[in-house]
Amino acid sequence: IAEHQDPDLGIVLKRNGSNTASVINHLRKSKKMHFDRLCE
C-alpha cells in the first residue's frame, strides 16, 4: 500500500491491497457514500 501503484479501474481490491489507491479513487468518484463511511 505504501508503494506507487499501477492504476486500474479500482472496482476489485487485489488480495494484498496493492491497488488500494485505485479503489479509493473509484470510491471517491463513483461511490461517495461508501467513501464517506470509509473515512469515518
Full PDB file with SEQRES, HELIX, SHEET, SSBOND, CRYST1, ORIGX, SCALE, CONECT and MASTER records, all heavy atoms in Angstrom:
SEQRES   1 A   40  ILE ALA GLU HIS GLN ASP PRO ASP LEU GLY ILE VAL LEU          
SEQRES   2 A   40  LYS ARG ASN GLY SER ASN THR ALA SER VAL ILE ASN HIS          
SEQRES   3 A   40  LEU ARG LYS SER LYS LYS MET HIS PHE ASP ARG LEU CYS          
SEQRES   4 A   40  GLU                                                          
HELIX    1 AA1 THR A   20  SER A   30  1                                  11    
HELIX    2 AA2 LYS A   32  CYS A   39  1                                   8    
CRYST1    1.000    1.000    1.000  90.00  90.00  90.00 P 1           1          
ORIGX1      1.000000  0.000000  0.000000        0.00000                         
ORIGX2      0.000000  1.000000  0.000000        0.00000                         
ORIGX3      0.000000  0.000000  1.000000        0.00000                         
SCALE1      1.000000  0.000000  0.000000        0.00000                         
SCALE2      0.000000  1.000000  0.000000        0.00000                         
SCALE3      0.000000  0.000000  1.000000        0.00000                         
ATOM      1  N   ILE A   1       0.828  -1.198   0.000  1.00  0.00           N  
ATOM      2  CA  ILE A   1       0.000   0.000   0.000  1.00  0.00           C  
ATOM      3  C   ILE A   1       0.866   1.253   0.000  1.00  0.00           C  
ATOM      4  O   ILE A   1       0.478   2.300  -0.534  1.00  0.00           O  
ATOM      5  CB  ILE A   1      -0.948  -0.019   1.218  1.00  0.00           C  
ATOM      6  CG1 ILE A   1      -1.923  -1.203   1.090  1.00  0.00           C  
ATOM      7  CG2 ILE A   1      -1.727   1.285   1.360  1.00  0.00           C  
ATOM      8  CD1 ILE A   1      -2.871  -1.355   2.261  1.00  0.00           C  
ATOM      9  N   ALA A   2       2.068   1.156   0.562  1.00  0.00           N  
ATOM     10  CA  ALA A   2       2.981   2.313   0.610  1.00  0.00           C  
ATOM     11  C   ALA A   2       3.585   2.635  -0.750  1.00  0.00           C  
ATOM     12  O   ALA A   2       4.001   3.774  -1.001  1.00  0.00           O  
ATOM     13  CB  ALA A   2       4.089   2.051   1.623  1.00  0.00           C  
ATOM     14  N   GLU A   3       3.634   1.671  -1.659  1.00  0.00           N  
ATOM     15  CA  GLU A   3       4.304   1.865  -2.941  1.00  0.00           C  
ATOM     16  C   GLU A   3       3.490   2.720  -3.907  1.00  0.00           C  
ATOM     17  O   GLU A   3       2.279   2.858  -3.769  1.00  0.00           O  
ATOM     18  CB  GLU A   3       4.568   0.496  -3.599  1.00  0.00           C  
ATOM     19  CG  GLU A   3       5.509  -0.396  -2.812  1.00  0.00           C  
ATOM     20  CD  GLU A   3       5.612  -1.782  -3.422  1.00  0.00           C  
ATOM     21  OE1 GLU A   3       4.835  -2.074  -4.372  1.00  0.00           O  
ATOM     22  OE2 GLU A   3       6.463  -2.569  -2.962  1.00  0.00           O  
ATOM     23  N   HIS A   4       4.176   3.281  -4.903  1.00  0.00           N  
ATOM     24  CA  HIS A   4       3.474   3.852  -6.053  1.00  0.00           C  
ATOM     25  C   HIS A   4       2.896   2.691  -6.857  1.00  0.00           C  
ATOM     26  O   HIS A   4       3.602   1.727  -7.162  1.00  0.00           O  
ATOM     27  CB  HIS A   4       4.432   4.677  -6.906  1.00  0.00           C  
ATOM     28  CG  HIS A   4       4.843   5.958  -6.254  1.00  0.00           C  
ATOM     29  ND1 HIS A   4       5.524   6.958  -6.923  1.00  0.00           N  
ATOM     30  CD2 HIS A   4       4.649   6.423  -4.988  1.00  0.00           C  
ATOM     31  CE1 HIS A   4       5.743   7.959  -6.109  1.00  0.00           C  
ATOM     32  NE2 HIS A   4       5.236   7.659  -4.920  1.00  0.00           N  
ATOM     33  N   GLN A   5       1.626   2.773  -7.189  1.00  0.00           N  
ATOM     34  CA  GLN A   5       0.900   1.622  -7.723  1.00  0.00           C  
ATOM     35  C   GLN A   5       0.484   1.835  -9.176  1.00  0.00           C  
ATOM     36  O   GLN A   5       0.290   2.969  -9.619  1.00  0.00           O  
ATOM     37  CB  GLN A   5      -0.351   1.371  -6.863  1.00  0.00           C  
ATOM     38  CG  GLN A   5      -0.035   1.157  -5.398  1.00  0.00           C  
ATOM     39  CD  GLN A   5      -1.276   1.177  -4.521  1.00  0.00           C  
ATOM     40  OE1 GLN A   5      -2.406   1.223  -5.012  1.00  0.00           O  
ATOM     41  NE2 GLN A   5      -1.083   1.139  -3.205  1.00  0.00           N  
ATOM     42  N   ASP A   6       0.354   0.714  -9.895  1.00  0.00           N  
ATOM     43  CA  ASP A   6      -0.197   0.763 -11.255  1.00  0.00           C  
ATOM     44  C   ASP A   6      -1.697   1.026 -11.166  1.00  0.00           C  
ATOM     45  O   ASP A   6      -2.406   0.311 -10.452  1.00  0.00           O  
ATOM     46  CB  ASP A   6       0.053  -0.554 -11.992  1.00  0.00           C  
ATOM     47  CG  ASP A   6       1.524  -0.805 -12.254  1.00  0.00           C  
ATOM     48  OD1 ASP A   6       2.229   0.164 -12.599  1.00  0.00           O  
ATOM     49  OD2 ASP A   6       1.968  -1.956 -12.093  1.00  0.00           O  
ATOM     50  N   PRO A   7      -2.203   2.035 -11.879  1.00  0.00           N  
ATOM     51  CA  PRO A   7      -3.634   2.330 -11.793  1.00  0.00           C  
ATOM     52  C   PRO A   7      -4.490   1.276 -12.491  1.00  0.00           C  
ATOM     53  O   PRO A   7      -4.053   0.651 -13.458  1.00  0.00           O  
ATOM     54  CB  PRO A   7      -3.754   3.691 -12.493  1.00  0.00           C  
ATOM     55  CG  PRO A   7      -2.591   3.746 -13.428  1.00  0.00           C  
ATOM     56  CD  PRO A   7      -1.489   2.966 -12.761  1.00  0.00           C  
ATOM     57  N   ASP A   8      -5.691   1.043 -11.985  1.00  0.00           N  
ATOM     58  CA  ASP A   8      -6.667   0.193 -12.665  1.00  0.00           C  
ATOM     59  C   ASP A   8      -8.059   0.765 -12.398  1.00  0.00           C  
ATOM     60  O   ASP A   8      -8.193   1.884 -11.892  1.00  0.00           O  
ATOM     61  CB  ASP A   8      -6.546  -1.270 -12.230  1.00  0.00           C  
ATOM     62  CG  ASP A   8      -6.756  -1.477 -10.736  1.00  0.00           C  
ATOM     63  OD1 ASP A   8      -7.474  -0.671 -10.120  1.00  0.00           O  
ATOM     64  OD2 ASP A   8      -6.228  -2.436 -10.174  1.00  0.00           O  
ATOM     65  N   LEU A   9      -9.095   0.013 -12.722  1.00  0.00           N  
ATOM     66  CA  LEU A   9     -10.454   0.530 -12.561  1.00  0.00           C  
ATOM     67  C   LEU A   9     -10.828   0.743 -11.091  1.00  0.00           C  
ATOM     68  O   LEU A   9     -11.734   1.525 -10.785  1.00  0.00           O  
ATOM     69  CB  LEU A   9     -11.458  -0.424 -13.218  1.00  0.00           C  
ATOM     70  CG  LEU A   9     -11.366  -0.562 -14.743  1.00  0.00           C  
ATOM     71  CD1 LEU A   9     -12.362  -1.602 -15.229  1.00  0.00           C  
ATOM     72  CD2 LEU A   9     -11.610   0.777 -15.421  1.00  0.00           C  
ATOM     73  N   GLY A  10     -10.182   0.029 -10.195  1.00  0.00           N  
ATOM     74  CA  GLY A  10     -10.440   0.225  -8.781  1.00  0.00           C  
ATOM     75  C   GLY A  10     -11.730  -0.385  -8.280  1.00  0.00           C  
ATOM     76  O   GLY A  10     -12.214  -0.012  -7.212  1.00  0.00           O  
ATOM     77  N   ILE A  11     -12.287  -1.327  -9.020  1.00  0.00           N  
ATOM     78  CA  ILE A  11     -13.543  -1.957  -8.586  1.00  0.00           C  
ATOM     79  C   ILE A  11     -13.255  -3.122  -7.641  1.00  0.00           C  
ATOM     80  O   ILE A  11     -13.906  -3.267  -6.605  1.00  0.00           O  
ATOM     81  CB  ILE A  11     -14.352  -2.427  -9.813  1.00  0.00           C  
ATOM     82  CG1 ILE A  11     -14.773  -1.212 -10.650  1.00  0.00           C  
ATOM     83  CG2 ILE A  11     -15.576  -3.223  -9.381  1.00  0.00           C  
ATOM     84  CD1 ILE A  11     -15.482  -1.562 -11.936  1.00  0.00           C  
ATOM     85  N   VAL A  12     -12.276  -3.952  -7.991  1.00  0.00           N  
ATOM     86  CA  VAL A  12     -11.919  -5.117  -7.175  1.00  0.00           C  
ATOM     87  C   VAL A  12     -10.574  -4.864  -6.496  1.00  0.00           C  
ATOM     88  O   VAL A  12      -9.581  -4.578  -7.168  1.00  0.00           O  
ATOM     89  CB  VAL A  12     -11.838  -6.394  -8.037  1.00  0.00           C  
ATOM     90  CG1 VAL A  12     -11.460  -7.592  -7.174  1.00  0.00           C  
ATOM     91  CG2 VAL A  12     -13.153  -6.644  -8.753  1.00  0.00           C  
ATOM     92  N   LEU A  13     -10.535  -4.975  -5.175  1.00  0.00           N  
ATOM     93  CA  LEU A  13      -9.281  -4.839  -4.447  1.00  0.00           C  
ATOM     94  C   LEU A  13      -8.460  -6.111  -4.599  1.00  0.00           C  
ATOM     95  O   LEU A  13      -8.978  -7.223  -4.452  1.00  0.00           O  
ATOM     96  CB  LEU A  13      -9.563  -4.589  -2.960  1.00  0.00           C  
ATOM     97  CG  LEU A  13      -8.335  -4.416  -2.058  1.00  0.00           C  
ATOM     98  CD1 LEU A  13      -7.636  -3.093  -2.362  1.00  0.00           C  
ATOM     99  CD2 LEU A  13      -8.729  -4.481  -0.581  1.00  0.00           C  
ATOM    100  N   LYS A  14      -7.163  -5.963  -4.903  1.00  0.00           N  
ATOM    101  CA  LYS A  14      -6.287  -7.122  -5.012  1.00  0.00           C  
ATOM    102  C   LYS A  14      -6.022  -7.718  -3.631  1.00  0.00           C  
ATOM    103  O   LYS A  14      -6.124  -7.040  -2.610  1.00  0.00           O  
ATOM    104  CB  LYS A  14      -4.974  -6.732  -5.685  1.00  0.00           C  
ATOM    105  CG  LYS A  14      -5.143  -6.330  -7.146  1.00  0.00           C  
ATOM    106  CD  LYS A  14      -3.802  -5.984  -7.783  1.00  0.00           C  
ATOM    107  CE  LYS A  14      -3.971  -5.603  -9.245  1.00  0.00           C  
ATOM    108  NZ  LYS A  14      -2.688  -5.215  -9.875  1.00  0.00           N  
ATOM    109  N   ARG A  15      -5.646  -9.004  -3.626  1.00  0.00           N  
ATOM    110  CA  ARG A  15      -5.531  -9.758  -2.377  1.00  0.00           C  
ATOM    111  C   ARG A  15      -4.608  -9.086  -1.361  1.00  0.00           C  
ATOM    112  O   ARG A  15      -4.907  -9.052  -0.173  1.00  0.00           O  
ATOM    113  CB  ARG A  15      -5.038 -11.177  -2.676  1.00  0.00           C  
ATOM    114  CG  ARG A  15      -4.715 -11.989  -1.430  1.00  0.00           C  
ATOM    115  CD  ARG A  15      -4.416 -13.427  -1.750  1.00  0.00           C  
ATOM    116  NE  ARG A  15      -3.757 -14.098  -0.645  1.00  0.00           N  
ATOM    117  CZ  ARG A  15      -4.358 -14.504   0.472  1.00  0.00           C  
ATOM    118  NH1 ARG A  15      -5.638 -14.283   0.626  1.00  0.00           N  
ATOM    119  NH2 ARG A  15      -3.690 -15.121   1.426  1.00  0.00           N  
ATOM    120  N   ASN A  16      -3.494  -8.513  -1.799  1.00  0.00           N  
ATOM    121  CA  ASN A  16      -2.548  -7.909  -0.859  1.00  0.00           C  
ATOM    122  C   ASN A  16      -2.759  -6.403  -0.678  1.00  0.00           C  
ATOM    123  O   ASN A  16      -2.019  -5.746   0.038  1.00  0.00           O  
ATOM    124  CB  ASN A  16      -1.110  -8.178  -1.293  1.00  0.00           C  
ATOM    125  CG  ASN A  16      -0.809  -7.651  -2.685  1.00  0.00           C  
ATOM    126  OD1 ASN A  16      -1.634  -6.977  -3.315  1.00  0.00           O  
ATOM    127  ND2 ASN A  16       0.380  -7.954  -3.193  1.00  0.00           N  
ATOM    128  N   GLY A  17      -3.767  -5.855  -1.350  1.00  0.00           N  
ATOM    129  CA  GLY A  17      -4.048  -4.425  -1.226  1.00  0.00           C  
ATOM    130  C   GLY A  17      -3.206  -3.545  -2.109  1.00  0.00           C  
ATOM    131  O   GLY A  17      -3.169  -2.314  -1.929  1.00  0.00           O  
ATOM    132  N   SER A  18      -2.518  -4.114  -3.107  1.00  0.00           N  
ATOM    133  CA  SER A  18      -1.562  -3.354  -3.916  1.00  0.00           C  
ATOM    134  C   SER A  18      -2.204  -2.389  -4.906  1.00  0.00           C  
ATOM    135  O   SER A  18      -1.493  -1.661  -5.592  1.00  0.00           O  
ATOM    136  CB  SER A  18      -0.635  -4.323  -4.675  1.00  0.00           C  
ATOM    137  OG  SER A  18      -1.385  -5.187  -5.509  1.00  0.00           O  
ATOM    138  N   ASN A  19      -3.538  -2.379  -4.996  1.00  0.00           N  
ATOM    139  CA  ASN A  19      -4.217  -1.377  -5.822  1.00  0.00           C  
ATOM    140  C   ASN A  19      -5.189  -0.545  -4.986  1.00  0.00           C  
ATOM    141  O   ASN A  19      -6.201  -0.051  -5.485  1.00  0.00           O  
ATOM    142  CB  ASN A  19      -4.950  -2.040  -6.995  1.00  0.00           C  
ATOM    143  CG  ASN A  19      -6.129  -2.892  -6.543  1.00  0.00           C  
ATOM    144  OD1 ASN A  19      -6.119  -3.413  -5.433  1.00  0.00           O  
ATOM    145  ND2 ASN A  19      -7.146  -3.019  -7.375  1.00  0.00           N  
ATOM    146  N   THR A  20      -4.860  -0.379  -3.701  1.00  0.00           N  
ATOM    147  CA  THR A  20      -5.736   0.368  -2.802  1.00  0.00           C  
ATOM    148  C   THR A  20      -5.972   1.790  -3.297  1.00  0.00           C  
ATOM    149  O   THR A  20      -7.087   2.327  -3.171  1.00  0.00           O  
ATOM    150  CB  THR A  20      -5.148   0.394  -1.382  1.00  0.00           C  
ATOM    151  OG1 THR A  20      -4.987  -0.947  -0.909  1.00  0.00           O  
ATOM    152  CG2 THR A  20      -6.054   1.141  -0.417  1.00  0.00           C  
ATOM    153  N   ALA A  21      -4.951   2.421  -3.869  1.00  0.00           N  
ATOM    154  CA  ALA A  21      -5.096   3.791  -4.366  1.00  0.00           C  
ATOM    155  C   ALA A  21      -6.175   3.869  -5.440  1.00  0.00           C  
ATOM    156  O   ALA A  21      -6.972   4.809  -5.471  1.00  0.00           O  
ATOM    157  CB  ALA A  21      -3.763   4.300  -4.903  1.00  0.00           C  
ATOM    158  N   SER A  22      -6.222   2.879  -6.330  1.00  0.00           N  
ATOM    159  CA  SER A  22      -7.247   2.865  -7.384  1.00  0.00           C  
ATOM    160  C   SER A  22      -8.635   2.650  -6.790  1.00  0.00           C  
ATOM    161  O   SER A  22      -9.614   3.253  -7.243  1.00  0.00           O  
ATOM    162  CB  SER A  22      -6.936   1.769  -8.406  1.00  0.00           C  
ATOM    163  OG  SER A  22      -5.745   2.052  -9.113  1.00  0.00           O  
ATOM    164  N   VAL A  23      -8.739   1.768  -5.769  1.00  0.00           N  
ATOM    165  CA  VAL A  23     -10.026   1.523  -5.121  1.00  0.00           C  
ATOM    166  C   VAL A  23     -10.527   2.798  -4.443  1.00  0.00           C  
ATOM    167  O   VAL A  23     -11.704   3.166  -4.551  1.00  0.00           O  
ATOM    168  CB  VAL A  23      -9.897   0.371  -4.109  1.00  0.00           C  
ATOM    169  CG1 VAL A  23     -11.176   0.227  -3.282  1.00  0.00           C  
ATOM    170  CG2 VAL A  23      -9.600  -0.938  -4.833  1.00  0.00           C  
ATOM    171  N   ILE A  24      -9.632   3.496  -3.747  1.00  0.00           N  
ATOM    172  CA  ILE A  24     -10.001   4.757  -3.088  1.00  0.00           C  
ATOM    173  C   ILE A  24     -10.445   5.783  -4.121  1.00  0.00           C  
ATOM    174  O   ILE A  24     -11.456   6.485  -3.939  1.00  0.00           O  
ATOM    175  CB  ILE A  24      -8.816   5.292  -2.264  1.00  0.00           C  
ATOM    176  CG1 ILE A  24      -8.494   4.338  -1.096  1.00  0.00           C  
ATOM    177  CG2 ILE A  24      -9.093   6.700  -1.765  1.00  0.00           C  
ATOM    178  CD1 ILE A  24      -9.616   4.177  -0.092  1.00  0.00           C  
ATOM    179  N   ASN A  25      -9.715   5.873  -5.219  1.00  0.00           N  
ATOM    180  CA  ASN A  25     -10.058   6.825  -6.272  1.00  0.00           C  
ATOM    181  C   ASN A  25     -11.440   6.530  -6.857  1.00  0.00           C  
ATOM    182  O   ASN A  25     -12.251   7.432  -7.088  1.00  0.00           O  
ATOM    183  CB  ASN A  25      -8.994   6.786  -7.367  1.00  0.00           C  
ATOM    184  CG  ASN A  25      -9.108   7.935  -8.340  1.00  0.00           C  
ATOM    185  OD1 ASN A  25      -9.332   9.083  -7.949  1.00  0.00           O  
ATOM    186  ND2 ASN A  25      -8.941   7.646  -9.614  1.00  0.00           N  
ATOM    187  N   HIS A  26     -11.739   5.246  -7.082  1.00  0.00           N  
ATOM    188  CA  HIS A  26     -13.047   4.865  -7.637  1.00  0.00           C  
ATOM    189  C   HIS A  26     -14.171   5.182  -6.651  1.00  0.00           C  
ATOM    190  O   HIS A  26     -15.220   5.717  -7.038  1.00  0.00           O  
ATOM    191  CB  HIS A  26     -13.046   3.379  -7.977  1.00  0.00           C  
ATOM    192  CG  HIS A  26     -14.394   2.858  -8.370  1.00  0.00           C  
ATOM    193  ND1 HIS A  26     -14.965   3.095  -9.601  1.00  0.00           N  
ATOM    194  CD2 HIS A  26     -15.310   2.118  -7.671  1.00  0.00           C  
ATOM    195  CE1 HIS A  26     -16.163   2.535  -9.663  1.00  0.00           C  
ATOM    196  NE2 HIS A  26     -16.397   1.930  -8.501  1.00  0.00           N  
ATOM    197  N   LEU A  27     -13.965   4.865  -5.380  1.00  0.00           N  
ATOM    198  CA  LEU A  27     -14.996   5.131  -4.382  1.00  0.00           C  
ATOM    199  C   LEU A  27     -15.249   6.633  -4.243  1.00  0.00           C  
ATOM    200  O   LEU A  27     -16.403   7.069  -4.135  1.00  0.00           O  
ATOM    201  CB  LEU A  27     -14.578   4.545  -3.031  1.00  0.00           C  
ATOM    202  CG  LEU A  27     -14.543   3.020  -2.916  1.00  0.00           C  
ATOM    203  CD1 LEU A  27     -14.002   2.601  -1.561  1.00  0.00           C  
ATOM    204  CD2 LEU A  27     -15.922   2.418  -3.135  1.00  0.00           C  
ATOM    205  N   ARG A  28     -14.186   7.416  -4.252  1.00  0.00           N  
ATOM    206  CA  ARG A  28     -14.337   8.859  -4.086  1.00  0.00           C  
ATOM    207  C   ARG A  28     -15.129   9.474  -5.232  1.00  0.00           C  
ATOM    208  O   ARG A  28     -15.925  10.394  -5.036  1.00  0.00           O  
ATOM    209  CB  ARG A  28     -12.953   9.501  -3.994  1.00  0.00           C  
ATOM    210  CG  ARG A  28     -12.958  11.008  -3.721  1.00  0.00           C  
ATOM    211  CD  ARG A  28     -11.550  11.501  -3.460  1.00  0.00           C  
ATOM    212  NE  ARG A  28     -10.677  11.190  -4.590  1.00  0.00           N  
ATOM    213  CZ  ARG A  28     -10.575  11.949  -5.682  1.00  0.00           C  
ATOM    214  NH1 ARG A  28     -11.290  13.043  -5.801  1.00  0.00           N  
ATOM    215  NH2 ARG A  28      -9.746  11.607  -6.650  1.00  0.00           N  
ATOM    216  N   LYS A  29     -14.951   8.934  -6.447  1.00  0.00           N  
ATOM    217  CA  LYS A  29     -15.625   9.493  -7.617  1.00  0.00           C  
ATOM    218  C   LYS A  29     -17.010   8.901  -7.856  1.00  0.00           C  
ATOM    219  O   LYS A  29     -17.925   9.611  -8.281  1.00  0.00           O  
ATOM    220  CB  LYS A  29     -14.762   9.261  -8.866  1.00  0.00           C  
ATOM    221  CG  LYS A  29     -13.470  10.068  -8.877  1.00  0.00           C  
ATOM    222  CD  LYS A  29     -12.675   9.781 -10.149  1.00  0.00           C  
ATOM    223  CE  LYS A  29     -11.409  10.624 -10.212  1.00  0.00           C  
ATOM    224  NZ  LYS A  29     -10.612  10.347 -11.441  1.00  0.00           N  
ATOM    225  N   SER A  30     -17.169   7.603  -7.585  1.00  0.00           N  
ATOM    226  CA  SER A  30     -18.396   6.919  -8.002  1.00  0.00           C  
ATOM    227  C   SER A  30     -19.276   6.421  -6.857  1.00  0.00           C  
ATOM    228  O   SER A  30     -20.464   6.159  -7.059  1.00  0.00           O  
ATOM    229  CB  SER A  30     -18.040   5.725  -8.906  1.00  0.00           C  
ATOM    230  OG  SER A  30     -17.274   6.139 -10.019  1.00  0.00           O  
ATOM    231  N   LYS A  31     -18.728   6.238  -5.674  1.00  0.00           N  
ATOM    232  CA  LYS A  31     -19.480   5.721  -4.534  1.00  0.00           C  
ATOM    233  C   LYS A  31     -19.223   6.615  -3.330  1.00  0.00           C  
ATOM    234  O   LYS A  31     -18.608   6.213  -2.346  1.00  0.00           O  
ATOM    235  CB  LYS A  31     -19.063   4.273  -4.229  1.00  0.00           C  
ATOM    236  CG  LYS A  31     -19.360   3.287  -5.345  1.00  0.00           C  
ATOM    237  CD  LYS A  31     -20.844   3.031  -5.489  1.00  0.00           C  
ATOM    238  CE  LYS A  31     -21.150   2.055  -6.592  1.00  0.00           C  
ATOM    239  NZ  LYS A  31     -22.596   1.775  -6.714  1.00  0.00           N  
ATOM    240  N   LYS A  32     -19.710   7.850  -3.415  1.00  0.00           N  
ATOM    241  CA  LYS A  32     -19.402   8.864  -2.409  1.00  0.00           C  
ATOM    242  C   LYS A  32     -19.854   8.437  -1.013  1.00  0.00           C  
ATOM    243  O   LYS A  32     -19.152   8.680  -0.022  1.00  0.00           O  
ATOM    244  CB  LYS A  32     -20.086  10.180  -2.799  1.00  0.00           C  
ATOM    245  CG  LYS A  32     -19.688  11.380  -1.942  1.00  0.00           C  
ATOM    246  CD  LYS A  32     -18.228  11.726  -2.145  1.00  0.00           C  
ATOM    247  CE  LYS A  32     -17.902  13.115  -1.586  1.00  0.00           C  
ATOM    248  NZ  LYS A  32     -18.268  13.295  -0.182  1.00  0.00           N  
ATOM    249  N   MET A  33     -20.992   7.790  -0.908  1.00  0.00           N  
ATOM    250  CA  MET A  33     -21.480   7.368   0.404  1.00  0.00           C  
ATOM    251  C   MET A  33     -20.545   6.344   1.028  1.00  0.00           C  
ATOM    252  O   MET A  33     -20.226   6.412   2.223  1.00  0.00           O  
ATOM    253  CB  MET A  33     -22.889   6.794   0.279  1.00  0.00           C  
ATOM    254  CG  MET A  33     -23.536   6.449   1.616  1.00  0.00           C  
ATOM    255  SD  MET A  33     -25.215   5.810   1.420  1.00  0.00           S  
ATOM    256  CE  MET A  33     -26.032   7.253   0.726  1.00  0.00           C  
ATOM    257  N   HIS A  34     -20.089   5.378   0.225  1.00  0.00           N  
ATOM    258  CA  HIS A  34     -19.138   4.384   0.720  1.00  0.00           C  
ATOM    259  C   HIS A  34     -17.824   5.048   1.115  1.00  0.00           C  
ATOM    260  O   HIS A  34     -17.218   4.692   2.137  1.00  0.00           O  
ATOM    261  CB  HIS A  34     -18.880   3.314  -0.337  1.00  0.00           C  
ATOM    262  CG  HIS A  34     -20.027   2.383  -0.528  1.00  0.00           C  
ATOM    263  ND1 HIS A  34     -19.961   1.281  -1.362  1.00  0.00           N  
ATOM    264  CD2 HIS A  34     -21.269   2.361   0.001  1.00  0.00           C  
ATOM    265  CE1 HIS A  34     -21.118   0.646  -1.332  1.00  0.00           C  
ATOM    266  NE2 HIS A  34     -21.921   1.284  -0.513  1.00  0.00           N  
ATOM    267  N   PHE A  35     -17.376   6.001   0.306  1.00  0.00           N  
ATOM    268  CA  PHE A  35     -16.119   6.689   0.597  1.00  0.00           C  
ATOM    269  C   PHE A  35     -16.215   7.468   1.908  1.00  0.00           C  
ATOM    270  O   PHE A  35     -15.289   7.443   2.728  1.00  0.00           O  
ATOM    271  CB  PHE A  35     -15.760   7.633  -0.554  1.00  0.00           C  
ATOM    272  CG  PHE A  35     -14.513   8.434  -0.313  1.00  0.00           C  
ATOM    273  CD1 PHE A  35     -13.265   7.840  -0.380  1.00  0.00           C  
ATOM    274  CD2 PHE A  35     -14.590   9.794   0.005  1.00  0.00           C  
ATOM    275  CE1 PHE A  35     -12.111   8.575  -0.145  1.00  0.00           C  
ATOM    276  CE2 PHE A  35     -13.454  10.530   0.237  1.00  0.00           C  
ATOM    277  CZ  PHE A  35     -12.203   9.922   0.153  1.00  0.00           C  
ATOM    278  N   ASP A  36     -17.335   8.155   2.122  1.00  0.00           N  
ATOM    279  CA  ASP A  36     -17.502   8.919   3.356  1.00  0.00           C  
ATOM    280  C   ASP A  36     -17.526   8.001   4.569  1.00  0.00           C  
ATOM    281  O   ASP A  36     -16.950   8.327   5.622  1.00  0.00           O  
ATOM    282  CB  ASP A  36     -18.800   9.733   3.295  1.00  0.00           C  
ATOM    283  CG  ASP A  36     -18.723  10.887   2.297  1.00  0.00           C  
ATOM    284  OD1 ASP A  36     -17.594  11.245   1.906  1.00  0.00           O  
ATOM    285  OD2 ASP A  36     -19.779  11.403   1.900  1.00  0.00           O  
ATOM    286  N   ARG A  37     -18.173   6.847   4.447  1.00  0.00           N  
ATOM    287  CA  ARG A  37     -18.200   5.884   5.556  1.00  0.00           C  
ATOM    288  C   ARG A  37     -16.798   5.352   5.835  1.00  0.00           C  
ATOM    289  O   ARG A  37     -16.399   5.183   6.990  1.00  0.00           O  
ATOM    290  CB  ARG A  37     -19.143   4.724   5.218  1.00  0.00           C  
ATOM    291  CG  ARG A  37     -20.602   5.073   5.294  1.00  0.00           C  
ATOM    292  CD  ARG A  37     -21.078   5.158   6.735  1.00  0.00           C  
ATOM    293  NE  ARG A  37     -21.137   3.838   7.358  1.00  0.00           N  
ATOM    294  CZ  ARG A  37     -21.053   3.622   8.662  1.00  0.00           C  
ATOM    295  NH1 ARG A  37     -20.851   4.637   9.475  1.00  0.00           N  
ATOM    296  NH2 ARG A  37     -21.132   2.407   9.155  1.00  0.00           N  
ATOM    297  N   LEU A  38     -16.043   5.087   4.762  1.00  0.00           N  
ATOM    298  CA  LEU A  38     -14.660   4.625   4.919  1.00  0.00           C  
ATOM    299  C   LEU A  38     -13.856   5.658   5.699  1.00  0.00           C  
ATOM    300  O   LEU A  38     -13.107   5.306   6.620  1.00  0.00           O  
ATOM    301  CB  LEU A  38     -14.042   4.357   3.541  1.00  0.00           C  
ATOM    302  CG  LEU A  38     -12.613   3.830   3.485  1.00  0.00           C  
ATOM    303  CD1 LEU A  38     -12.416   2.949   2.242  1.00  0.00           C  
ATOM    304  CD2 LEU A  38     -11.589   4.949   3.451  1.00  0.00           C  
ATOM    305  N   CYS A  39     -13.994   6.922   5.345  1.00  0.00           N  
ATOM    306  CA  CYS A  39     -13.242   7.976   6.034  1.00  0.00           C  
ATOM    307  C   CYS A  39     -13.665   8.101   7.491  1.00  0.00           C  
ATOM    308  O   CYS A  39     -12.833   8.382   8.369  1.00  0.00           O  
ATOM    309  CB  CYS A  39     -13.417   9.309   5.309  1.00  0.00           C  
ATOM    310  SG  CYS A  39     -12.622   9.371   3.686  1.00  0.00           S  
ATOM    311  N   GLU A  40     -14.956   7.895   7.778  1.00  0.00           N  
ATOM    312  CA  GLU A  40     -15.427   7.939   9.161  1.00  0.00           C  
ATOM    313  C   GLU A  40     -14.762   6.844   9.992  1.00  0.00           C  
ATOM    314  O   GLU A  40     -14.301   7.090  11.119  1.00  0.00           O  
ATOM    315  CB  GLU A  40     -16.945   7.768   9.198  1.00  0.00           C  
ATOM    316  CG  GLU A  40     -17.733   8.964   8.690  1.00  0.00           C  
ATOM    317  CD  GLU A  40     -19.226   8.693   8.658  1.00  0.00           C  
ATOM    318  OE1 GLU A  40     -19.651   7.663   9.250  1.00  0.00           O  
ATOM    319  OE2 GLU A  40     -19.967   9.469   8.040  1.00  0.00           O  
TER     320      GLU A  40                                                      
MASTER        0    0    0    2    0    0    0    6  319    1    0    4          
END                                                                             
